Amino acid sequence: MKKLTALLVLAGLSHVAVAAEVVGNVQNAKAKIEMCIGCHGIPGYKATFPEVYQVPMIGGQSAKYIEGALQAYKKGDRKHPSMKGIAASLSDQDIADVAAFYAQQTRTADPK
């Protein structure tokens, strides 16, 4: 019985370690955002693959939102092929870093 209890306690502790939140690092993101700037850094930019799509400006967006969006692209829950490919190449730490970087940027208004 003691072995079973010890095993359950260890299993619970390992679950806590896995569930630790990944914290984004703005400085580390600077080496990871090159692929983002080409679309998300140009006011009024429209992508033409797979169809004409107004690319959102993500500066100033919430880190939690950006992380969620990138994770959804990575899992295939969001369907834009370019974003899915980019997100699939990112680790959870990369996603947190990129999200932290864009969250601390100034929000830019999209031109109408």
PDB file of N, CA and C in Angstrom:
ATOM      1  N   MET A   1       0.819  -1.189   0.000  1.00  0.00           N
ATOM      2  CA  MET A   1       0.000   0.000   0.000  1.00  0.00           C
ATOM      3  C   MET A   1       0.865   1.255   0.000  1.00  0.00           C
ATOM      4  N   LYS A   2       1.988   1.213   0.755  1.00  0.00           N
ATOM      5  CA  LYS A   2       2.874   2.367   0.818  1.00  0.00           C
ATOM      6  C   LYS A   2       3.492   2.641  -0.554  1.00  0.00           C
ATOM      7  N   LYS A   3       3.822   1.576  -1.283  1.00  0.00           N
ATOM      8  CA  LYS A   3       4.411   1.750  -2.610  1.00  0.00           C
ATOM      9  C   LYS A   3       3.401   2.393  -3.567  1.00  0.00           C
ATOM     10  N   LEU A   4       2.163   1.970  -3.461  1.00  0.00           N
ATOM     11  CA  LEU A   4       1.116   2.538  -4.313  1.00  0.00           C
ATOM     12  C   LEU A   4       0.917   4.015  -4.005  1.00  0.00           C
ATOM     13  N   THR A   5       0.900   4.360  -2.732  1.00  0.00           N
ATOM     14  CA  THR A   5       0.748   5.758  -2.333  1.00  0.00           C
ATOM     15  C   THR A   5       1.921   6.594  -2.845  1.00  0.00           C
ATOM     16  N   ALA A   6       3.132   6.068  -2.675  1.00  0.00           N
ATOM     17  CA  ALA A   6       4.325   6.788  -3.141  1.00  0.00           C
ATOM     18  C   ALA A   6       4.283   6.972  -4.657  1.00  0.00           C
ATOM     19  N   LEU A   7       3.844   5.959  -5.371  1.00  0.00           N
ATOM     20  CA  LEU A   7       3.742   6.031  -6.828  1.00  0.00           C
ATOM     21  C   LEU A   7       2.732   7.099  -7.248  1.00  0.00           C
ATOM     22  N   LEU A   8       1.592   7.145  -6.574  1.00  0.00           N
ATOM     23  CA  LEU A   8       0.583   8.152  -6.886  1.00  0.00           C
ATOM     24  C   LEU A   8       1.079   9.566  -6.595  1.00  0.00           C
ATOM     25  N   VAL A   9       1.809   9.737  -5.509  1.00  0.00           N
ATOM     26  CA  VAL A   9       2.364  11.048  -5.175  1.00  0.00           C
ATOM     27  C   VAL A   9       3.373  11.476  -6.240  1.00  0.00           C
ATOM     28  N   LEU A  10       4.245  10.574  -6.655  1.00  0.00           N
ATOM     29  CA  LEU A  10       5.227  10.895  -7.690  1.00  0.00           C
ATOM     30  C   LEU A  10       4.543  11.233  -9.011  1.00  0.00           C
ATOM     31  N   ALA A  11       3.516  10.494  -9.346  1.00  0.00           N
ATOM     32  CA  ALA A  11       2.781  10.769 -10.587  1.00  0.00           C
ATOM     33  C   ALA A  11       2.147  12.154 -10.528  1.00  0.00           C
ATOM     34  N   GLY A  12       1.614  12.505  -9.392  1.00  0.00           N
ATOM     35  CA  GLY A  12       1.014  13.825  -9.227  1.00  0.00           C
ATOM     36  C   GLY A  12       2.048  14.935  -9.329  1.00  0.00           C
ATOM     37  N   LEU A  13       3.217  14.733  -8.744  1.00  0.00           N
ATOM     38  CA  LEU A  13       4.279  15.733  -8.825  1.00  0.00           C
ATOM     39  C   LEU A  13       4.791  15.899 -10.242  1.00  0.00           C
ATOM     40  N   SER A  14       4.904  14.813 -10.988  1.00  0.00           N
ATOM     41  CA  SER A  14       5.376  14.927 -12.368  1.00  0.00           C
ATOM     42  C   SER A  14       4.363  15.682 -13.219  1.00  0.00           C
ATOM     43  N   HIS A  15       3.077  15.523 -12.928  1.00  0.00           N
ATOM     44  CA  HIS A  15       2.030  16.246 -13.655  1.00  0.00           C
ATOM     45  C   HIS A  15       2.142  17.744 -13.387  1.00  0.00           C
ATOM     46  N   VAL A  16       2.448  18.119 -12.161  1.00  0.00           N
ATOM     47  CA  VAL A  16       2.606  19.533 -11.813  1.00  0.00           C
ATOM     48  C   VAL A  16       3.782  20.121 -12.579  1.00  0.00           C
ATOM     49  N   ALA A  17       4.880  19.392 -12.697  1.00  0.00           N
ATOM     50  CA  ALA A  17       6.053  19.888 -13.418  1.00  0.00           C
ATOM     51  C   ALA A  17       5.738  20.084 -14.900  1.00  0.00           C
ATOM     52  N   VAL A  18       4.986  19.169 -15.490  1.00  0.00           N
ATOM     53  CA  VAL A  18       4.627  19.279 -16.903  1.00  0.00           C
ATOM     54  C   VAL A  18       3.686  20.457 -17.134  1.00  0.00           C
ATOM     55  N   ALA A  19       2.822  20.735 -16.182  1.00  0.00           N
ATOM     56  CA  ALA A  19       1.822  21.775 -16.346  1.00  0.00           C
ATOM     57  C   ALA A  19       2.367  23.179 -16.104  1.00  0.00           C
ATOM     58  N   ALA A  20       3.668  23.292 -15.764  1.00  0.00           N
ATOM     59  CA  ALA A  20       4.242  24.610 -15.512  1.00  0.00           C
ATOM     60  C   ALA A  20       4.089  25.490 -16.738  1.00  0.00           C
ATOM     61  N   GLU A  21       3.694  26.721 -16.497  1.00  0.00           N
ATOM     62  CA  GLU A  21       3.434  27.656 -17.594  1.00  0.00           C
ATOM     63  C   GLU A  21       4.743  28.115 -18.223  1.00  0.00           C
ATOM     64  N   VAL A  22       4.767  28.160 -19.541  1.00  0.00           N
ATOM     65  CA  VAL A  22       5.910  28.672 -20.280  1.00  0.00           C
ATOM     66  C   VAL A  22       5.809  30.195 -20.267  1.00  0.00           C
ATOM     67  N   VAL A  23       6.891  30.860 -19.904  1.00  0.00           N
ATOM     68  CA  VAL A  23       6.900  32.313 -19.805  1.00  0.00           C
ATOM     69  C   VAL A  23       7.669  32.886 -20.994  1.00  0.00           C
ATOM     70  N   GLY A  24       7.039  33.826 -21.689  1.00  0.00           N
ATOM     71  CA  GLY A  24       7.665  34.431 -22.861  1.00  0.00           C
ATOM     72  C   GLY A  24       8.793  35.382 -22.487  1.00  0.00           C
ATOM     73  N   ASN A  25       9.809  35.424 -23.356  1.00  0.00           N
ATOM     74  CA  ASN A  25      10.956  36.293 -23.161  1.00  0.00           C
ATOM     75  C   ASN A  25      11.072  37.210 -24.377  1.00  0.00           C
ATOM     76  N   VAL A  26      10.861  38.502 -24.173  1.00  0.00           N
ATOM     77  CA  VAL A  26      10.865  39.483 -25.262  1.00  0.00           C
ATOM     78  C   VAL A  26      12.227  39.514 -25.963  1.00  0.00           C
ATOM     79  N   GLN A  27      13.299  39.449 -25.203  1.00  0.00           N
ATOM     80  CA  GLN A  27      14.639  39.509 -25.807  1.00  0.00           C
ATOM     81  C   GLN A  27      14.896  38.308 -26.714  1.00  0.00           C
ATOM     82  N   ASN A  28      14.473  37.123 -26.292  1.00  0.00           N
ATOM     83  CA  ASN A  28      14.667  35.927 -27.119  1.00  0.00           C
ATOM     84  C   ASN A  28      13.814  35.968 -28.384  1.00  0.00           C
ATOM     85  N   ALA A  29      12.709  36.672 -28.330  1.00  0.00           N
ATOM     86  CA  ALA A  29      11.792  36.728 -29.477  1.00  0.00           C
ATOM     87  C   ALA A  29      12.403  37.459 -30.654  1.00  0.00           C
ATOM     88  N   LYS A  30      13.307  38.382 -30.407  1.00  0.00           N
ATOM     89  CA  LYS A  30      13.865  39.198 -31.482  1.00  0.00           C
ATOM     90  C   LYS A  30      14.528  38.342 -32.568  1.00  0.00           C
ATOM     91  N   ALA A  31      15.005  37.176 -32.217  1.00  0.00           N
ATOM     92  CA  ALA A  31      15.609  36.273 -33.196  1.00  0.00           C
ATOM     93  C   ALA A  31      14.572  35.362 -33.844  1.00  0.00           C
ATOM     94  N   LYS A  32      13.307  35.474 -33.441  1.00  0.00           N
ATOM     95  CA  LYS A  32      12.262  34.560 -33.916  1.00  0.00           C
ATOM     96  C   LYS A  32      11.173  35.241 -34.723  1.00  0.00           C
ATOM     97  N   ILE A  33      11.180  36.563 -34.806  1.00  0.00           N
ATOM     98  CA  ILE A  33      10.047  37.266 -35.405  1.00  0.00           C
ATOM     99  C   ILE A  33      10.234  37.631 -36.872  1.00  0.00           C
ATOM    100  N   GLU A  34      11.379  37.265 -37.471  1.00  0.00           N
ATOM    101  CA  GLU A  34      11.614  37.636 -38.863  1.00  0.00           C
ATOM    102  C   GLU A  34      10.477  37.193 -39.777  1.00  0.00           C
ATOM    103  N   MET A  35       9.972  36.011 -39.569  1.00  0.00           N
ATOM    104  CA  MET A  35       8.910  35.500 -40.435  1.00  0.00           C
ATOM    105  C   MET A  35       7.572  36.188 -40.171  1.00  0.00           C
ATOM    106  N   CYS A  36       7.420  36.835 -39.038  1.00  0.00           N
ATOM    107  CA  CYS A  36       6.170  37.539 -38.705  1.00  0.00           C
ATOM    108  C   CYS A  36       6.124  38.923 -39.344  1.00  0.00           C
ATOM    109  N   ILE A  37       7.260  39.597 -39.326  1.00  0.00           N
ATOM    110  CA  ILE A  37       7.328  40.989 -39.768  1.00  0.00           C
ATOM    111  C   ILE A  37       6.905  41.139 -41.228  1.00  0.00           C
ATOM    112  N   GLY A  38       7.238  40.169 -42.062  1.00  0.00           N
ATOM    113  CA  GLY A  38       6.944  40.260 -43.482  1.00  0.00           C
ATOM    114  C   GLY A  38       5.479  40.458 -43.814  1.00  0.00           C
ATOM    115  N   CYS A  39       4.598  40.030 -42.947  1.00  0.00           N
ATOM    116  CA  CYS A  39       3.151  40.215 -43.172  1.00  0.00           C
ATOM    117  C   CYS A  39       2.537  41.110 -42.105  1.00  0.00           C
ATOM    118  N   HIS A  40       2.815  40.812 -40.846  1.00  0.00           N
ATOM    119  CA  HIS A  40       2.158  41.506 -39.735  1.00  0.00           C
ATOM    120  C   HIS A  40       2.789  42.857 -39.410  1.00  0.00           C
ATOM    121  N   GLY A  41       3.893  43.188 -40.065  1.00  0.00           N
ATOM    122  CA  GLY A  41       4.548  44.463 -39.809  1.00  0.00           C
ATOM    123  C   GLY A  41       4.274  45.523 -40.858  1.00  0.00           C
ATOM    124  N   ILE A  42       3.407  45.223 -41.823  1.00  0.00           N
ATOM    125  CA  ILE A  42       3.120  46.156 -42.917  1.00  0.00           C
ATOM    126  C   ILE A  42       1.663  46.610 -42.822  1.00  0.00           C
ATOM    127  N   PRO A  43       1.440  47.866 -42.441  1.00  0.00           N
ATOM    128  CA  PRO A  43       0.054  48.349 -42.339  1.00  0.00           C
ATOM    129  C   PRO A  43      -0.701  48.188 -43.661  1.00  0.00           C
ATOM    130  N   GLY A  44      -1.895  47.634 -43.581  1.00  0.00           N
ATOM    131  CA  GLY A  44      -2.742  47.475 -44.757  1.00  0.00           C
ATOM    132  C   GLY A  44      -2.355  46.333 -45.676  1.00  0.00           C
ATOM    133  N   TYR A  45      -1.419  45.489 -45.264  1.00  0.00           N
ATOM    134  CA  TYR A  45      -0.943  44.405 -46.123  1.00  0.00           C
ATOM    135  C   TYR A  45      -2.040  43.363 -46.350  1.00  0.00           C
ATOM    136  N   LYS A  46      -2.116  42.876 -47.580  1.00  0.00           N
ATOM    137  CA  LYS A  46      -3.056  41.808 -47.932  1.00  0.00           C
ATOM    138  C   LYS A  46      -2.276  40.655 -48.522  1.00  0.00           C
ATOM    139  N   ALA A  47      -2.455  39.486 -47.959  1.00  0.00           N
ATOM    140  CA  ALA A  47      -1.823  38.278 -48.478  1.00  0.00           C
ATOM    141  C   ALA A  47      -2.711  37.718 -49.586  1.00  0.00           C
ATOM    142  N   THR A  48      -2.110  37.058 -50.541  1.00  0.00           N
ATOM    143  CA  THR A  48      -2.892  36.513 -51.656  1.00  0.00           C
ATOM    144  C   THR A  48      -2.841  34.999 -51.713  1.00  0.00           C
ATOM    145  N   PHE A  49      -2.459  34.341 -50.644  1.00  0.00           N
ATOM    146  CA  PHE A  49      -2.454  32.883 -50.628  1.00  0.00           C
ATOM    147  C   PHE A  49      -3.177  32.401 -49.395  1.00  0.00           C
ATOM    148  N   PRO A  50      -4.118  31.571 -49.487  1.00  0.00           N
ATOM    149  CA  PRO A  50      -4.716  30.964 -50.677  1.00  0.00           C
ATOM    150  C   PRO A  50      -5.733  31.869 -51.350  1.00  0.00           C
ATOM    151  N   GLU A  51      -6.123  32.958 -50.700  1.00  0.00           N
ATOM    152  CA  GLU A  51      -7.050  33.934 -51.279  1.00  0.00           C
ATOM    153  C   GLU A  51      -6.654  35.290 -50.707  1.00  0.00           C
ATOM    154  N   VAL A  52      -7.212  36.360 -51.228  1.00  0.00           N
ATOM    155  CA  VAL A  52      -6.880  37.686 -50.694  1.00  0.00           C
ATOM    156  C   VAL A  52      -7.375  37.764 -49.251  1.00  0.00           C
ATOM    157  N   TYR A  53      -6.484  38.109 -48.369  1.00  0.00           N
ATOM    158  CA  TYR A  53      -6.764  38.086 -46.934  1.00  0.00           C
ATOM    159  C   TYR A  53      -6.127  39.311 -46.296  1.00  0.00           C
ATOM    160  N   GLN A  54      -6.886  40.103 -45.590  1.00  0.00           N
ATOM    161  CA  GLN A  54      -6.365  41.258 -44.868  1.00  0.00           C
ATOM    162  C   GLN A  54      -5.570  40.756 -43.666  1.00  0.00           C
ATOM    163  N   VAL A  55      -4.276  41.032 -43.639  1.00  0.00           N
ATOM    164  CA  VAL A  55      -3.416  40.556 -42.558  1.00  0.00           C
ATOM    165  C   VAL A  55      -3.540  41.505 -41.361  1.00  0.00           C
ATOM    166  N   PRO A  56      -3.875  40.981 -40.194  1.00  0.00           N
ATOM    167  CA  PRO A  56      -4.034  41.856 -39.026  1.00  0.00           C
ATOM    168  C   PRO A  56      -2.697  42.356 -38.484  1.00  0.00           C
ATOM    169  N   MET A  57      -2.709  43.554 -37.972  1.00  0.00           N
ATOM    170  CA  MET A  57      -1.559  44.083 -37.245  1.00  0.00           C
ATOM    171  C   MET A  57      -1.659  43.499 -35.836  1.00  0.00           C
ATOM    172  N   ILE A  58      -0.591  42.881 -35.364  1.00  0.00           N
ATOM    173  CA  ILE A  58      -0.672  42.189 -34.074  1.00  0.00           C
ATOM    174  C   ILE A  58       0.067  42.910 -32.953  1.00  0.00           C
ATOM    175  N   GLY A  59       0.737  44.009 -33.262  1.00  0.00           N
ATOM    176  CA  GLY A  59       1.404  44.787 -32.222  1.00  0.00           C
ATOM    177  C   GLY A  59       0.381  45.295 -31.211  1.00  0.00           C
ATOM    178  N   GLY A  60       0.659  45.084 -29.935  1.00  0.00           N
ATOM    179  CA  GLY A  60      -0.244  45.532 -28.886  1.00  0.00           C
ATOM    180  C   GLY A  60      -1.355  44.550 -28.557  1.00  0.00           C
ATOM    181  N   GLN A  61      -1.440  43.467 -29.312  1.00  0.00           N
ATOM    182  CA  GLN A  61      -2.448  42.444 -29.030  1.00  0.00           C
ATOM    183  C   GLN A  61      -2.049  41.700 -27.753  1.00  0.00           C
ATOM    184  N   SER A  62      -2.985  41.158 -27.050  1.00  0.00           N
ATOM    185  CA  SER A  62      -2.718  40.410 -25.817  1.00  0.00           C
ATOM    186  C   SER A  62      -1.854  39.173 -26.100  1.00  0.00           C
ATOM    187  N   ALA A  63      -0.875  38.946 -25.229  1.00  0.00           N
ATOM    188  CA  ALA A  63      -0.003  37.779 -25.381  1.00  0.00           C
ATOM    189  C   ALA A  63      -0.812  36.487 -25.324  1.00  0.00           C
ATOM    190  N   LYS A  64      -1.789  36.440 -24.443  1.00  0.00           N
ATOM    191  CA  LYS A  64      -2.631  35.248 -24.294  1.00  0.00           C
ATOM    192  C   LYS A  64      -3.380  34.963 -25.600  1.00  0.00           C
ATOM    193  N   TYR A  65      -3.880  36.004 -26.244  1.00  0.00           N
ATOM    194  CA  TYR A  65      -4.587  35.836 -27.522  1.00  0.00           C
ATOM    195  C   TYR A  65      -3.640  35.316 -28.611  1.00  0.00           C
ATOM    196  N   ILE A  66      -2.456  35.924 -28.715  1.00  0.00           N
ATOM    197  CA  ILE A  66      -1.487  35.506 -29.739  1.00  0.00           C
ATOM    198  C   ILE A  66      -1.064  34.063 -29.508  1.00  0.00           C
ATOM    199  N   GLU A  67      -0.791  33.715 -28.264  1.00  0.00           N
ATOM    200  CA  GLU A  67      -0.424  32.329 -27.953  1.00  0.00           C
ATOM    201  C   GLU A  67      -1.542  31.371 -28.352  1.00  0.00           C
ATOM    202  N   GLY A  68      -2.766  31.717 -28.001  1.00  0.00           N
ATOM    203  CA  GLY A  68      -3.906  30.865 -28.341  1.00  0.00           C
ATOM    204  C   GLY A  68      -4.082  30.702 -29.842  1.00  0.00           C
ATOM    205  N   ALA A  69      -3.916  31.805 -30.570  1.00  0.00           N
ATOM    206  CA  ALA A  69      -4.060  31.755 -32.030  1.00  0.00           C
ATOM    207  C   ALA A  69      -2.972  30.883 -32.639  1.00  0.00           C
ATOM    208  N   LEU A  70      -1.721  31.067 -32.210  1.00  0.00           N
ATOM    209  CA  LEU A  70      -0.628  30.259 -32.761  1.00  0.00           C
ATOM    210  C   LEU A  70      -0.786  28.778 -32.414  1.00  0.00           C
ATOM    211  N   GLN A  71      -1.229  28.495 -31.198  1.00  0.00           N
ATOM    212  CA  GLN A  71      -1.462  27.090 -30.823  1.00  0.00           C
ATOM    213  C   GLN A  71      -2.591  26.497 -31.669  1.00  0.00           C
ATOM    214  N   ALA A  72      -3.632  27.292 -31.955  1.00  0.00           N
ATOM    215  CA  ALA A  72      -4.746  26.806 -32.774  1.00  0.00           C
ATOM    216  C   ALA A  72      -4.292  26.541 -34.207  1.00  0.00           C
ATOM    217  N   TYR A  73      -3.433  27.404 -34.756  1.00  0.00           N
ATOM    218  CA  TYR A  73      -2.876  27.144 -36.094  1.00  0.00           C
ATOM    219  C   TYR A  73      -2.025  25.877 -36.068  1.00  0.00           C
ATOM    220  N   LYS A  74      -1.220  25.738 -35.024  1.00  0.00           N
ATOM    221  CA  LYS A  74      -0.324  24.577 -34.894  1.00  0.00           C
ATOM    222  C   LYS A  74      -1.120  23.266 -34.851  1.00  0.00           C
ATOM    223  N   LYS A  75      -2.253  23.281 -34.140  1.00  0.00           N
ATOM    224  CA  LYS A  75      -3.093  22.076 -34.027  1.00  0.00           C
ATOM    225  C   LYS A  75      -3.979  21.857 -35.250  1.00  0.00           C
ATOM    226  N   GLY A  76      -4.135  22.888 -36.078  1.00  0.00           N
ATOM    227  CA  GLY A  76      -5.016  22.774 -37.235  1.00  0.00           C
ATOM    228  C   GLY A  76      -6.425  23.257 -36.981  1.00  0.00           C
ATOM    229  N   ASP A  77      -6.673  23.825 -35.792  1.00  0.00           N
ATOM    230  CA  ASP A  77      -8.006  24.361 -35.477  1.00  0.00           C
ATOM    231  C   ASP A  77      -8.285  25.637 -36.269  1.00  0.00           C
ATOM    232  N   ARG A  78      -7.243  26.375 -36.600  1.00  0.00           N
ATOM    233  CA  ARG A  78      -7.349  27.518 -37.518  1.00  0.00           C
ATOM    234  C   ARG A  78      -6.736  27.057 -38.833  1.00  0.00           C
ATOM    235  N   LYS A  79      -7.293  27.511 -39.942  1.00  0.00           N
ATOM    236  CA  LYS A  79      -7.007  26.870 -41.222  1.00  0.00           C
ATOM    237  C   LYS A  79      -6.085  27.593 -42.198  1.00  0.00           C
ATOM    238  N   HIS A  80      -5.591  28.785 -41.936  1.00  0.00           N
ATOM    239  CA  HIS A  80      -4.753  29.471 -42.916  1.00  0.00           C
ATOM    240  C   HIS A  80      -3.466  28.676 -43.134  1.00  0.00           C
ATOM    241  N   PRO A  81      -3.202  28.203 -44.367  1.00  0.00           N
ATOM    242  CA  PRO A  81      -2.066  27.298 -44.616  1.00  0.00           C
ATOM    243  C   PRO A  81      -0.701  27.892 -44.265  1.00  0.00           C
ATOM    244  N   SER A  82      -0.472  29.149 -44.577  1.00  0.00           N
ATOM    245  CA  SER A  82       0.831  29.757 -44.261  1.00  0.00           C
ATOM    246  C   SER A  82       1.037  29.835 -42.756  1.00  0.00           C
ATOM    247  N   MET A  83       0.013  30.275 -42.039  1.00  0.00           N
ATOM    248  CA  MET A  83       0.128  30.382 -40.589  1.00  0.00           C
ATOM    249  C   MET A  83       0.255  29.008 -39.941  1.00  0.00           C
ATOM    250  N   LYS A  84      -0.433  28.029 -40.486  1.00  0.00           N
ATOM    251  CA  LYS A  84      -0.324  26.674 -39.944  1.00  0.00           C
ATOM    252  C   LYS A  84       1.108  26.161 -40.078  1.00  0.00           C
ATOM    253  N   GLY A  85       1.714  26.397 -41.245  1.00  0.00           N
ATOM    254  CA  GLY A  85       3.096  25.966 -41.466  1.00  0.00           C
ATOM    255  C   GLY A  85       4.078  26.670 -40.542  1.00  0.00           C
ATOM    256  N   ILE A  86       3.877  27.957 -40.367  1.00  0.00           N
ATOM    257  CA  ILE A  86       4.769  28.716 -39.489  1.00  0.00           C
ATOM    258  C   ILE A  86       4.596  28.265 -38.046  1.00  0.00           C
ATOM    259  N   ALA A  87       3.361  28.175 -37.585  1.00  0.00           N
ATOM    260  CA  ALA A  87       3.107  27.783 -36.193  1.00  0.00           C
ATOM    261  C   ALA A  87       3.614  26.374 -35.903  1.00  0.00           C
ATOM    262  N   ALA A  88       3.512  25.485 -36.881  1.00  0.00           N
ATOM    263  CA  ALA A  88       3.977  24.110 -36.678  1.00  0.00           C
ATOM    264  C   ALA A  88       5.488  24.057 -36.442  1.00  0.00           C
ATOM    265  N   SER A  89       6.210  25.062 -36.927  1.00  0.00           N
ATOM    266  CA  SER A  89       7.664  25.081 -36.752  1.00  0.00           C
ATOM    267  C   SER A  89       8.090  25.681 -35.413  1.00  0.00           C
ATOM    268  N   LEU A  90       7.138  26.189 -34.635  1.00  0.00           N
ATOM    269  CA  LEU A  90       7.457  26.863 -33.375  1.00  0.00           C
ATOM    270  C   LEU A  90       7.246  25.950 -32.169  1.00  0.00           C
ATOM    271  N   SER A  91       8.164  26.021 -31.226  1.00  0.00           N
ATOM    272  CA  SER A  91       7.982  25.313 -29.950  1.00  0.00           C
ATOM    273  C   SER A  91       7.045  26.143 -29.075  1.00  0.00           C
ATOM    274  N   ASP A  92       6.604  25.566 -27.973  1.00  0.00           N
ATOM    275  CA  ASP A  92       5.768  26.319 -27.035  1.00  0.00           C
ATOM    276  C   ASP A  92       6.525  27.542 -26.507  1.00  0.00           C
ATOM    277  N   GLN A  93       7.840  27.398 -26.283  1.00  0.00           N
ATOM    278  CA  GLN A  93       8.649  28.531 -25.816  1.00  0.00           C
ATOM    279  C   GLN A  93       8.733  29.607 -26.889  1.00  0.00           C
ATOM    280  N   ASP A  94       8.927  29.200 -28.157  1.00  0.00           N
ATOM    281  CA  ASP A  94       8.953  30.169 -29.261  1.00  0.00           C
ATOM    282  C   ASP A  94       7.652  30.960 -29.309  1.00  0.00           C
ATOM    283  N   ILE A  95       6.534  30.257 -29.200  1.00  0.00           N
ATOM    284  CA  ILE A  95       5.216  30.903 -29.245  1.00  0.00           C
ATOM    285  C   ILE A  95       5.072  31.896 -28.104  1.00  0.00           C
ATOM    286  N   ALA A  96       5.473  31.511 -26.903  1.00  0.00           N
ATOM    287  CA  ALA A  96       5.382  32.408 -25.750  1.00  0.00           C
ATOM    288  C   ALA A  96       6.282  33.632 -25.941  1.00  0.00           C
ATOM    289  N   ASP A  97       7.467  33.431 -26.507  1.00  0.00           N
ATOM    290  CA  ASP A  97       8.389  34.542 -26.735  1.00  0.00           C
ATOM    291  C   ASP A  97       7.825  35.529 -27.760  1.00  0.00           C
ATOM    292  N   VAL A  98       7.329  35.012 -28.873  1.00  0.00           N
ATOM    293  CA  VAL A  98       6.755  35.859 -29.923  1.00  0.00           C
ATOM    294  C   VAL A  98       5.542  36.617 -29.382  1.00  0.00           C
ATOM    295  N   ALA A  99       4.705  35.932 -28.628  1.00  0.00           N
ATOM    296  CA  ALA A  99       3.517  36.571 -28.053  1.00  0.00           C
ATOM    297  C   ALA A  99       3.919  37.691 -27.092  1.00  0.00           C
ATOM    298  N   ALA A 100       4.923  37.450 -26.269  1.00  0.00           N
ATOM    299  CA  ALA A 100       5.397  38.472 -25.330  1.00  0.00           C
ATOM    300  C   ALA A 100       5.942  39.682 -26.087  1.00  0.00           C
ATOM    301  N   PHE A 101       6.668  39.441 -27.165  1.00  0.00           N
ATOM    302  CA  PHE A 101       7.230  40.524 -27.963  1.00  0.00           C
ATOM    303  C   PHE A 101       6.131  41.411 -28.539  1.00  0.00           C
ATOM    304  N   TYR A 102       5.154  40.795 -29.210  1.00  0.00           N
ATOM    305  CA  TYR A 102       4.105  41.585 -29.839  1.00  0.00           C
ATOM    306  C   TYR A 102       3.169  42.240 -28.828  1.00  0.00           C
ATOM    307  N   ALA A 103       2.990  41.637 -27.673  1.00  0.00           N
ATOM    308  CA  ALA A 103       2.131  42.227 -26.642  1.00  0.00           C
ATOM    309  C   ALA A 103       2.708  43.538 -26.120  1.00  0.00           C
ATOM    310  N   GLN A 104       4.028  43.667 -26.101  1.00  0.00           N
ATOM    311  CA  GLN A 104       4.629  44.887 -25.579  1.00  0.00           C
ATOM    312  C   GLN A 104       4.817  45.958 -26.662  1.00  0.00           C
ATOM    313  N   GLN A 105       4.430  45.654 -27.899  1.00  0.00           N
ATOM    314  CA  GLN A 105       4.486  46.642 -28.976  1.00  0.00           C
ATOM    315  C   GLN A 105       3.311  47.602 -28.898  1.00  0.00           C
ATOM    316  N   THR A 106       3.427  48.715 -29.595  1.00  0.00           N
ATOM    317  CA  THR A 106       2.342  49.683 -29.664  1.00  0.00           C
ATOM    318  C   THR A 106       1.322  49.205 -30.689  1.00  0.00           C
ATOM    319  N   ARG A 107       0.067  49.280 -30.334  1.00  0.00           N
ATOM    320  CA  ARG A 107      -1.001  48.900 -31.259  1.00  0.00           C
ATOM    321  C   ARG A 107      -1.010  49.886 -32.416  1.00  0.00           C
ATOM    322  N   THR A 108      -1.054  49.346 -33.638  1.00  0.00           N
ATOM    323  CA  THR A 108      -1.095  50.167 -34.841  1.00  0.00           C
ATOM    324  C   THR A 108      -2.469  50.036 -35.471  1.00  0.00           C
ATOM    325  N   ALA A 109      -3.078  51.148 -35.772  1.00  0.00           N
ATOM    326  CA  ALA A 109      -4.410  51.125 -36.390  1.00  0.00           C
ATOM    327  C   ALA A 109      -4.295  50.694 -37.842  1.00  0.00           C
ATOM    328  N   ASP A 110      -5.202  49.829 -38.277  1.00  0.00           N
ATOM    329  CA  ASP A 110      -5.264  49.439 -39.677  1.00  0.00           C
ATOM    330  C   ASP A 110      -5.872  50.581 -40.476  1.00  0.00           C
ATOM    331  N   PRO A 111      -5.241  50.944 -41.604  1.00  0.00           N
ATOM    332  CA  PRO A 111      -5.831  52.009 -42.429  1.00  0.00           C
ATOM    333  C   PRO A 111      -7.112  51.523 -43.085  1.00  0.00           C
ATOM    334  N   LYS A 112      -8.084  52.400 -43.232  1.00  0.00           N
ATOM    335  CA  LYS A 112      -9.367  52.022 -43.848  1.00  0.00           C
ATOM    336  C   LYS A 112      -9.438  52.551 -45.255  1.00  0.00           C
TER     337      LYS A 112
END
